[in-house]
Amino acid sequence: VGDIAIVTNRTKIADFSQPFASSSLVIVAPINSSKSNAWVFLKPFSADMWCIIGASFLMIGVVIWILEHRVNDDFRGPPKRQVVTIFM
């Protein structure tokens, strides 16, 4: 089997499957018998990491607001609306 381009004419003659490659990547993780809840998605990161993620989102919002508020009418108005725009 070699590198074959899949073109319309060849699909009429032969069946093509998706390529498969093994990455040999194995993940070993402990299994806890703790009860699952709605907040389980928070567990992969620590509280410090979540704070850094939140701060980076806020910083990006502020930078976008600084760049856009002079030329874009959506970034103008009362302070409450501007803060909501930053978070959106």
Protein backbone atom coordinates (compact mmCIF):
# COMPACT_ATOMS: atom_id res chain seq x y z
CA VAL A 1 0.00 0.00 0.00
CA GLY A 2 1.40 3.34 -0.97
CA ASP A 3 0.38 6.95 -0.87
CA ILE A 4 -2.70 7.16 -3.10
CA ALA A 5 -4.74 10.28 -3.73
CA ILE A 6 -8.47 9.82 -3.25
CA VAL A 7 -10.14 11.30 -6.30
CA THR A 8 -13.65 10.92 -7.70
CA ASN A 9 -12.71 8.39 -10.37
CA ARG A 10 -10.98 6.09 -7.89
CA THR A 11 -13.91 6.14 -5.45
CA LYS A 12 -16.03 4.49 -8.15
CA ILE A 13 -13.54 1.61 -8.49
CA ALA A 14 -12.30 1.03 -4.92
CA ASP A 15 -13.38 1.58 -1.33
CA PHE A 16 -11.20 3.84 0.82
CA SER A 17 -10.98 3.73 4.59
CA GLN A 18 -9.73 6.31 7.06
CA PRO A 19 -6.01 6.11 7.85
CA PHE A 20 -5.07 4.61 11.20
CA ALA A 21 -1.85 5.26 13.09
CA SER A 22 -0.99 4.15 16.58
CA SER A 23 0.63 6.85 18.70
CA SER A 24 1.68 4.42 21.45
CA LEU A 25 0.54 7.01 23.99
CA VAL A 26 -0.66 5.52 27.24
CA ILE A 27 -2.22 7.40 30.12
CA VAL A 28 -2.11 5.94 33.61
CA ALA A 29 -4.55 7.57 36.01
CA PRO A 30 -5.76 6.51 39.44
CA ILE A 31 -9.40 5.57 39.77
CA ASN A 32 -11.16 7.17 42.69
CA SER A 33 -14.51 5.95 43.81
CA SER A 34 -15.67 9.46 44.65
CA LYS A 35 -19.17 10.52 43.74
CA SER A 36 -19.54 12.42 40.49
CA ASN A 37 -21.14 15.84 40.57
CA ALA A 38 -21.80 18.78 38.27
CA TRP A 39 -18.55 20.53 39.25
CA VAL A 40 -16.24 17.65 38.29
CA PHE A 41 -14.85 19.68 35.34
CA LEU A 42 -13.06 21.97 37.85
CA LYS A 43 -10.88 19.17 39.23
CA PRO A 44 -8.16 19.02 36.50
CA PHE A 45 -6.87 22.50 37.49
CA SER A 46 -6.03 23.93 40.88
CA ALA A 47 -7.64 27.11 42.22
CA ASP A 48 -4.50 29.08 41.29
CA MET A 49 -4.72 27.88 37.70
CA TRP A 50 -8.41 28.84 37.45
CA CYS A 51 -7.53 32.31 38.78
CA ILE A 52 -4.80 32.67 36.15
CA ILE A 53 -7.22 31.59 33.41
CA GLY A 54 -9.84 34.08 34.62
CA ALA A 55 -7.28 36.89 34.86
CA SER A 56 -6.03 36.19 31.34
CA PHE A 57 -9.58 36.30 29.95
CA LEU A 58 -10.17 39.59 31.77
CA MET A 59 -6.87 41.03 30.50
CA ILE A 60 -7.69 40.06 26.91
CA GLY A 61 -11.13 41.68 27.29
CA VAL A 62 -9.59 44.91 28.60
CA VAL A 63 -7.05 45.02 25.75
CA ILE A 64 -9.80 44.50 23.16
CA TRP A 65 -11.90 47.22 24.84
CA ILE A 66 -8.96 49.65 24.81
CA LEU A 67 -8.36 49.01 21.11
CA GLU A 68 -12.03 49.16 20.08
CA HIS A 69 -13.79 51.76 22.27
CA ARG A 70 -12.72 54.74 20.14
CA VAL A 71 -13.86 53.34 16.79
CA ASN A 72 -16.68 50.91 17.66
CA ASP A 73 -20.03 52.16 19.00
CA ASP A 74 -20.68 48.82 20.75
CA PHE A 75 -17.83 49.61 23.16
CA ARG A 76 -19.29 52.97 24.24
CA GLY A 77 -21.93 53.94 26.76
CA PRO A 78 -22.33 53.86 30.54
CA PRO A 79 -19.63 52.11 32.60
CA LYS A 80 -21.94 49.19 33.46
CA ARG A 81 -22.48 48.43 29.77
CA GLN A 82 -18.76 48.68 29.07
CA VAL A 83 -17.90 46.20 31.84
CA VAL A 84 -20.53 43.79 30.52
CA THR A 85 -19.04 44.20 27.03
CA ILE A 86 -15.59 43.34 28.39
CA PHE A 87 -16.90 40.13 29.96
CA MET A 88 -18.82 39.18 26.85
